[in-house]
Amino acid sequence: MKTREFIEQLRESREKQVVFVDENGSTIHGGYHLTELKAATFDTVDCGGQKNRWNETIVQLWVPQDEESDEFMTANKFLSIYDRVSGMIALDPEAEIRFEYGDENFPPSNYQVAKVTEIADTIRVELRAPQTTCKARDRRTEEASCCG
Protein backbone atom coordinates (compact mmCIF):
# COMPACT_ATOMS: atom_id res chain seq x y z
CA MET A 1 0.00 0.00 0.00
CA LYS A 2 1.28 3.45 -0.84
CA THR A 3 1.93 5.90 1.99
CA ARG A 4 -0.56 8.36 0.48
CA GLU A 5 -3.36 5.74 0.43
CA PHE A 6 -2.76 4.79 4.06
CA ILE A 7 -2.63 8.38 5.30
CA GLU A 8 -5.76 9.35 3.31
CA GLN A 9 -7.67 6.50 4.94
CA LEU A 10 -6.63 7.71 8.39
CA ARG A 11 -7.61 11.30 7.56
CA GLU A 12 -11.14 10.12 6.73
CA SER A 13 -11.59 8.50 10.17
CA ARG A 14 -9.57 10.57 12.63
CA GLU A 15 -11.39 9.49 15.79
CA LYS A 16 -11.06 5.75 15.17
CA GLN A 17 -8.47 3.60 16.90
CA VAL A 18 -5.75 2.09 14.71
CA VAL A 19 -5.38 -1.63 15.41
CA PHE A 20 -2.61 -3.68 13.78
CA VAL A 21 -3.16 -7.43 13.26
CA ASP A 22 -1.56 -10.26 11.33
CA GLU A 23 -3.34 -12.71 9.00
CA ASN A 24 -3.96 -15.04 11.98
CA GLY A 25 -5.70 -12.30 13.97
CA SER A 26 -2.86 -11.70 16.47
CA THR A 27 -2.94 -8.07 17.54
CA ILE A 28 -0.11 -5.68 18.36
CA HIS A 29 -0.72 -4.80 21.99
CA GLY A 30 -2.71 -1.72 22.93
CA GLY A 31 -0.49 1.02 24.26
CA TYR A 32 1.92 0.74 21.32
CA HIS A 33 3.99 3.80 20.49
CA LEU A 34 4.92 5.16 17.06
CA THR A 35 8.62 5.65 17.84
CA GLU A 36 10.11 6.54 14.47
CA LEU A 37 9.25 7.33 10.85
CA LYS A 38 11.91 6.52 8.28
CA ALA A 39 12.20 7.76 4.69
CA ALA A 40 14.23 4.94 3.18
CA THR A 41 15.75 4.77 -0.30
CA PHE A 42 17.04 1.45 -1.57
CA ASP A 43 19.68 1.17 -4.29
CA THR A 44 20.24 -2.46 -5.22
CA VAL A 45 21.66 -4.69 -7.91
CA ASP A 46 19.79 -7.95 -8.46
CA CYS A 47 21.22 -11.32 -9.55
CA GLY A 48 20.57 -10.39 -13.20
CA GLY A 49 22.92 -7.42 -12.89
CA GLN A 50 20.14 -4.81 -13.09
CA LYS A 51 20.14 -1.77 -10.82
CA ASN A 52 16.95 -1.12 -8.88
CA ARG A 53 15.88 1.90 -6.83
CA TRP A 54 12.79 2.51 -4.74
CA ASN A 55 11.59 4.41 -1.69
CA GLU A 56 9.74 3.13 1.36
CA THR A 57 8.17 4.78 4.36
CA ILE A 58 8.95 2.70 7.43
CA VAL A 59 6.86 3.24 10.55
CA GLN A 60 8.46 1.82 13.68
CA LEU A 61 6.04 0.62 16.36
CA TRP A 62 7.03 -0.39 19.89
CA VAL A 63 5.30 -1.50 23.07
CA PRO A 64 7.23 -0.76 26.27
CA GLN A 65 7.60 -3.80 28.52
CA ASP A 66 5.95 -1.97 31.42
CA GLU A 67 3.16 -0.39 29.32
CA GLU A 68 0.01 -0.14 31.42
CA SER A 69 -2.34 1.27 28.81
CA ASP A 70 -4.33 -1.08 26.62
CA GLU A 71 -5.70 1.78 24.50
CA PHE A 72 -4.91 1.82 20.80
CA MET A 73 -3.62 4.98 19.17
CA THR A 74 -6.25 7.02 17.35
CA ALA A 75 -5.83 7.94 13.71
CA ASN A 76 -5.68 11.57 14.84
CA LYS A 77 -2.67 10.89 17.11
CA PHE A 78 -0.94 8.87 14.35
CA LEU A 79 -1.53 11.73 11.89
CA SER A 80 -0.20 14.37 14.29
CA ILE A 81 3.09 12.44 14.50
CA TYR A 82 3.15 11.78 10.74
CA ASP A 83 2.45 15.44 9.88
CA ARG A 84 5.12 16.70 12.28
CA VAL A 85 7.73 14.33 10.85
CA SER A 86 6.78 15.00 7.22
CA GLY A 87 7.50 18.68 7.91
CA MET A 88 11.03 17.71 8.96
CA ILE A 89 12.00 15.02 6.41
CA ALA A 90 10.74 14.18 2.91
CA LEU A 91 8.34 11.24 3.14
CA ASP A 92 7.48 10.02 -0.37
CA PRO A 93 3.67 9.72 -0.63
CA GLU A 94 4.07 7.21 -3.49
CA ALA A 95 6.43 4.97 -1.50
CA GLU A 96 5.22 1.68 -0.07
CA ILE A 97 4.46 2.00 3.65
CA ARG A 98 5.81 -0.70 5.94
CA PHE A 99 5.54 -1.28 9.66
CA GLU A 100 8.59 -2.33 11.63
CA TYR A 101 7.63 -4.33 14.70
CA GLY A 102 8.43 -7.40 16.72
CA ASP A 103 7.20 -9.13 19.89
CA GLU A 104 6.29 -12.61 21.11
CA ASN A 105 3.56 -12.89 18.43
CA PHE A 106 5.24 -10.98 15.57
CA PRO A 107 8.77 -11.97 14.50
CA PRO A 108 10.75 -8.72 14.06
CA SER A 109 10.31 -7.53 10.48
CA ASN A 110 9.22 -4.69 8.19
CA TYR A 111 5.64 -5.80 7.54
CA GLN A 112 3.67 -4.94 4.42
CA VAL A 113 0.06 -3.82 4.59
CA ALA A 114 -2.20 -6.59 3.28
CA LYS A 115 -5.41 -4.58 3.69
CA VAL A 116 -7.09 -1.89 5.75
CA THR A 117 -10.71 -2.20 6.86
CA GLU A 118 -12.92 -0.11 9.10
CA ILE A 119 -15.02 -1.89 11.70
CA ALA A 120 -17.12 0.17 14.11
CA ASP A 121 -14.69 2.50 15.94
CA THR A 122 -11.49 0.91 14.62
CA ILE A 123 -9.28 0.99 11.57
CA ARG A 124 -7.95 -2.56 11.25
CA VAL A 125 -4.58 -2.74 9.52
CA GLU A 126 -3.71 -6.30 8.50
CA LEU A 127 0.03 -6.80 8.22
CA ARG A 128 1.82 -9.57 6.36
CA ALA A 129 5.44 -10.61 6.46
CA PRO A 130 7.47 -9.58 3.41
CA GLN A 131 8.19 -12.23 0.78
CA THR A 132 11.48 -12.69 -1.02
CA THR A 133 11.61 -12.94 -4.79
CA CYS A 134 14.07 -12.98 -7.66
CA LYS A 135 13.71 -9.77 -9.67
CA ALA A 136 15.56 -11.21 -12.69
CA ARG A 137 13.18 -14.19 -12.84
CA ASP A 138 10.18 -11.89 -12.33
CA ARG A 139 11.32 -9.71 -15.27
CA ARG A 140 11.71 -12.78 -17.51
CA THR A 141 8.23 -14.00 -16.52
CA GLU A 142 6.69 -10.57 -17.21
CA GLU A 143 8.47 -10.31 -20.59
CA ALA A 144 7.32 -13.79 -21.60
CA SER A 145 3.71 -13.15 -20.62
CA CYS A 146 3.50 -9.77 -22.35
CA CYS A 147 5.45 -10.59 -25.47
CA GLY A 148 4.50 -14.22 -26.18
C-alpha atoms as a PDB file:
ATOM      1  CA  MET A   1       0.000   0.000   0.000  1.00  0.00           C
ATOM      2  CA  LYS A   2       1.276   3.450  -0.843  1.00  0.00           C
ATOM      3  CA  THR A   3       1.928   5.898   1.993  1.00  0.00           C
ATOM      4  CA  ARG A   4      -0.565   8.360   0.477  1.00  0.00           C
ATOM      5  CA  GLU A   5      -3.358   5.742   0.426  1.00  0.00           C
ATOM      6  CA  PHE A   6      -2.759   4.788   4.057  1.00  0.00           C
ATOM      7  CA  ILE A   7      -2.633   8.380   5.296  1.00  0.00           C
ATOM      8  CA  GLU A   8      -5.762   9.353   3.310  1.00  0.00           C
ATOM      9  CA  GLN A   9      -7.671   6.504   4.940  1.00  0.00           C
ATOM     10  CA  LEU A  10      -6.627   7.712   8.392  1.00  0.00           C
ATOM     11  CA  ARG A  11      -7.615  11.298   7.562  1.00  0.00           C
ATOM     12  CA  GLU A  12     -11.144  10.118   6.731  1.00  0.00           C
ATOM     13  CA  SER A  13     -11.594   8.500  10.171  1.00  0.00           C
ATOM     14  CA  ARG A  14      -9.569  10.573  12.632  1.00  0.00           C
ATOM     15  CA  GLU A  15     -11.390   9.486  15.795  1.00  0.00           C
ATOM     16  CA  LYS A  16     -11.063   5.751  15.172  1.00  0.00           C
ATOM     17  CA  GLN A  17      -8.472   3.599  16.898  1.00  0.00           C
ATOM     18  CA  VAL A  18      -5.746   2.091  14.705  1.00  0.00           C
ATOM     19  CA  VAL A  19      -5.378  -1.633  15.406  1.00  0.00           C
ATOM     20  CA  PHE A  20      -2.606  -3.683  13.775  1.00  0.00           C
ATOM     21  CA  VAL A  21      -3.157  -7.425  13.259  1.00  0.00           C
ATOM     22  CA  ASP A  22      -1.559 -10.259  11.326  1.00  0.00           C
ATOM     23  CA  GLU A  23      -3.343 -12.709   9.003  1.00  0.00           C
ATOM     24  CA  ASN A  24      -3.964 -15.039  11.984  1.00  0.00           C
ATOM     25  CA  GLY A  25      -5.696 -12.304  13.973  1.00  0.00           C
ATOM     26  CA  SER A  26      -2.857 -11.703  16.470  1.00  0.00           C
ATOM     27  CA  THR A  27      -2.936  -8.067  17.536  1.00  0.00           C
ATOM     28  CA  ILE A  28      -0.114  -5.682  18.358  1.00  0.00           C
ATOM     29  CA  HIS A  29      -0.718  -4.803  21.994  1.00  0.00           C
ATOM     30  CA  GLY A  30      -2.706  -1.724  22.925  1.00  0.00           C
ATOM     31  CA  GLY A  31      -0.486   1.016  24.262  1.00  0.00           C
ATOM     32  CA  TYR A  32       1.923   0.743  21.319  1.00  0.00           C
ATOM     33  CA  HIS A  33       3.995   3.804  20.487  1.00  0.00           C
ATOM     34  CA  LEU A  34       4.923   5.158  17.064  1.00  0.00           C
ATOM     35  CA  THR A  35       8.624   5.649  17.837  1.00  0.00           C
ATOM     36  CA  GLU A  36      10.109   6.537  14.466  1.00  0.00           C
ATOM     37  CA  LEU A  37       9.245   7.333  10.850  1.00  0.00           C
ATOM     38  CA  LYS A  38      11.912   6.524   8.279  1.00  0.00           C
ATOM     39  CA  ALA A  39      12.202   7.759   4.695  1.00  0.00           C
ATOM     40  CA  ALA A  40      14.235   4.945   3.176  1.00  0.00           C
ATOM     41  CA  THR A  41      15.751   4.767  -0.295  1.00  0.00           C
ATOM     42  CA  PHE A  42      17.043   1.451  -1.566  1.00  0.00           C
ATOM     43  CA  ASP A  43      19.683   1.173  -4.293  1.00  0.00           C
ATOM     44  CA  THR A  44      20.236  -2.457  -5.217  1.00  0.00           C
ATOM     45  CA  VAL A  45      21.662  -4.694  -7.911  1.00  0.00           C
ATOM     46  CA  ASP A  46      19.794  -7.949  -8.462  1.00  0.00           C
ATOM     47  CA  CYS A  47      21.221 -11.319  -9.547  1.00  0.00           C
ATOM     48  CA  GLY A  48      20.568 -10.392 -13.198  1.00  0.00           C
ATOM     49  CA  GLY A  49      22.917  -7.417 -12.887  1.00  0.00           C
ATOM     50  CA  GLN A  50      20.142  -4.806 -13.090  1.00  0.00           C
ATOM     51  CA  LYS A  51      20.141  -1.767 -10.825  1.00  0.00           C
ATOM     52  CA  ASN A  52      16.950  -1.116  -8.875  1.00  0.00           C
ATOM     53  CA  ARG A  53      15.882   1.900  -6.832  1.00  0.00           C
ATOM     54  CA  TRP A  54      12.788   2.509  -4.735  1.00  0.00           C
ATOM     55  CA  ASN A  55      11.589   4.414  -1.686  1.00  0.00           C
ATOM     56  CA  GLU A  56       9.745   3.125   1.361  1.00  0.00           C
ATOM     57  CA  THR A  57       8.166   4.782   4.361  1.00  0.00           C
ATOM     58  CA  ILE A  58       8.950   2.699   7.429  1.00  0.00           C
ATOM     59  CA  VAL A  59       6.860   3.237  10.552  1.00  0.00           C
ATOM     60  CA  GLN A  60       8.461   1.818  13.684  1.00  0.00           C
ATOM     61  CA  LEU A  61       6.038   0.624  16.364  1.00  0.00           C
ATOM     62  CA  TRP A  62       7.027  -0.393  19.893  1.00  0.00           C
ATOM     63  CA  VAL A  63       5.298  -1.501  23.070  1.00  0.00           C
ATOM     64  CA  PRO A  64       7.229  -0.761  26.270  1.00  0.00           C
ATOM     65  CA  GLN A  65       7.600  -3.800  28.517  1.00  0.00           C
ATOM     66  CA  ASP A  66       5.950  -1.970  31.419  1.00  0.00           C
ATOM     67  CA  GLU A  67       3.160  -0.392  29.320  1.00  0.00           C
ATOM     68  CA  GLU A  68       0.006  -0.143  31.420  1.00  0.00           C
ATOM     69  CA  SER A  69      -2.345   1.274  28.810  1.00  0.00           C
ATOM     70  CA  ASP A  70      -4.328  -1.075  26.619  1.00  0.00           C
ATOM     71  CA  GLU A  71      -5.700   1.782  24.504  1.00  0.00           C
ATOM     72  CA  PHE A  72      -4.914   1.823  20.803  1.00  0.00           C
ATOM     73  CA  MET A  73      -3.618   4.982  19.166  1.00  0.00           C
ATOM     74  CA  THR A  74      -6.245   7.024  17.350  1.00  0.00           C
ATOM     75  CA  ALA A  75      -5.826   7.942  13.711  1.00  0.00           C
ATOM     76  CA  ASN A  76      -5.678  11.574  14.837  1.00  0.00           C
ATOM     77  CA  LYS A  77      -2.671  10.892  17.106  1.00  0.00           C
ATOM     78  CA  PHE A  78      -0.940   8.871  14.349  1.00  0.00           C
ATOM     79  CA  LEU A  79      -1.531  11.733  11.888  1.00  0.00           C
ATOM     80  CA  SER A  80      -0.197  14.370  14.286  1.00  0.00           C
ATOM     81  CA  ILE A  81       3.087  12.443  14.496  1.00  0.00           C
ATOM     82  CA  TYR A  82       3.151  11.777  10.742  1.00  0.00           C
ATOM     83  CA  ASP A  83       2.445  15.435   9.881  1.00  0.00           C
ATOM     84  CA  ARG A  84       5.122  16.697  12.282  1.00  0.00           C
ATOM     85  CA  VAL A  85       7.733  14.325  10.848  1.00  0.00           C
ATOM     86  CA  SER A  86       6.777  15.001   7.224  1.00  0.00           C
ATOM     87  CA  GLY A  87       7.505  18.684   7.912  1.00  0.00           C
ATOM     88  CA  MET A  88      11.031  17.711   8.958  1.00  0.00           C
ATOM     89  CA  ILE A  89      11.999  15.020   6.409  1.00  0.00           C
ATOM     90  CA  ALA A  90      10.744  14.185   2.912  1.00  0.00           C
ATOM     91  CA  LEU A  91       8.340  11.244   3.139  1.00  0.00           C
ATOM     92  CA  ASP A  92       7.482  10.025  -0.370  1.00  0.00           C
ATOM     93  CA  PRO A  93       3.673   9.720  -0.629  1.00  0.00           C
ATOM     94  CA  GLU A  94       4.073   7.207  -3.486  1.00  0.00           C
ATOM     95  CA  ALA A  95       6.426   4.968  -1.500  1.00  0.00           C
ATOM     96  CA  GLU A  96       5.219   1.677  -0.065  1.00  0.00           C
ATOM     97  CA  ILE A  97       4.459   2.000   3.652  1.00  0.00           C
ATOM     98  CA  ARG A  98       5.813  -0.704   5.938  1.00  0.00           C
ATOM     99  CA  PHE A  99       5.540  -1.280   9.660  1.00  0.00           C
ATOM    100  CA  GLU A 100       8.592  -2.330  11.633  1.00  0.00           C
ATOM    101  CA  TYR A 101       7.628  -4.333  14.701  1.00  0.00           C
ATOM    102  CA  GLY A 102       8.426  -7.400  16.718  1.00  0.00           C
ATOM    103  CA  ASP A 103       7.202  -9.126  19.887  1.00  0.00           C
ATOM    104  CA  GLU A 104       6.290 -12.609  21.113  1.00  0.00           C
ATOM    105  CA  ASN A 105       3.559 -12.888  18.430  1.00  0.00           C
ATOM    106  CA  PHE A 106       5.236 -10.983  15.569  1.00  0.00           C
ATOM    107  CA  PRO A 107       8.766 -11.972  14.496  1.00  0.00           C
ATOM    108  CA  PRO A 108      10.752  -8.723  14.060  1.00  0.00           C
ATOM    109  CA  SER A 109      10.308  -7.535  10.476  1.00  0.00           C
ATOM    110  CA  ASN A 110       9.221  -4.692   8.192  1.00  0.00           C
ATOM    111  CA  TYR A 111       5.643  -5.804   7.543  1.00  0.00           C
ATOM    112  CA  GLN A 112       3.671  -4.939   4.419  1.00  0.00           C
ATOM    113  CA  VAL A 113       0.059  -3.815   4.587  1.00  0.00           C
ATOM    114  CA  ALA A 114      -2.200  -6.593   3.278  1.00  0.00           C
ATOM    115  CA  LYS A 115      -5.411  -4.582   3.690  1.00  0.00           C
ATOM    116  CA  VAL A 116      -7.089  -1.889   5.755  1.00  0.00           C
ATOM    117  CA  THR A 117     -10.706  -2.196   6.864  1.00  0.00           C
ATOM    118  CA  GLU A 118     -12.922  -0.112   9.104  1.00  0.00           C
ATOM    119  CA  ILE A 119     -15.024  -1.889  11.697  1.00  0.00           C
ATOM    120  CA  ALA A 120     -17.121   0.168  14.113  1.00  0.00           C
ATOM    121  CA  ASP A 121     -14.691   2.496  15.944  1.00  0.00           C
ATOM    122  CA  THR A 122     -11.488   0.910  14.622  1.00  0.00           C
ATOM    123  CA  ILE A 123      -9.280   0.994  11.568  1.00  0.00           C
ATOM    124  CA  ARG A 124      -7.955  -2.560  11.247  1.00  0.00           C
ATOM    125  CA  VAL A 125      -4.575  -2.745   9.522  1.00  0.00           C
ATOM    126  CA  GLU A 126      -3.707  -6.301   8.495  1.00  0.00           C
ATOM    127  CA  LEU A 127       0.029  -6.800   8.223  1.00  0.00           C
ATOM    128  CA  ARG A 128       1.821  -9.568   6.357  1.00  0.00           C
ATOM    129  CA  ALA A 129       5.439 -10.615   6.462  1.00  0.00           C
ATOM    130  CA  PRO A 130       7.468  -9.584   3.414  1.00  0.00           C
ATOM    131  CA  GLN A 131       8.191 -12.232   0.785  1.00  0.00           C
ATOM    132  CA  THR A 132      11.478 -12.693  -1.021  1.00  0.00           C
ATOM    133  CA  THR A 133      11.614 -12.945  -4.788  1.00  0.00           C
ATOM    134  CA  CYS A 134      14.074 -12.982  -7.662  1.00  0.00           C
ATOM    135  CA  LYS A 135      13.711  -9.767  -9.675  1.00  0.00           C
ATOM    136  CA  ALA A 136      15.560 -11.213 -12.695  1.00  0.00           C
ATOM    137  CA  ARG A 137      13.178 -14.192 -12.844  1.00  0.00           C
ATOM    138  CA  ASP A 138      10.179 -11.888 -12.334  1.00  0.00           C
ATOM    139  CA  ARG A 139      11.315  -9.711 -15.265  1.00  0.00           C
ATOM    140  CA  ARG A 140      11.709 -12.783 -17.513  1.00  0.00           C
ATOM    141  CA  THR A 141       8.227 -14.003 -16.519  1.00  0.00           C
ATOM    142  CA  GLU A 142       6.693 -10.574 -17.209  1.00  0.00           C
ATOM    143  CA  GLU A 143       8.470 -10.312 -20.586  1.00  0.00           C
ATOM    144  CA  ALA A 144       7.319 -13.788 -21.600  1.00  0.00           C
ATOM    145  CA  SER A 145       3.714 -13.149 -20.621  1.00  0.00           C
ATOM    146  CA  CYS A 146       3.500  -9.766 -22.347  1.00  0.00           C
ATOM    147  CA  CYS A 147       5.452 -10.587 -25.470  1.00  0.00           C
ATOM    148  CA  GLY A 148       4.505 -14.216 -26.180  1.00  0.00           C
END
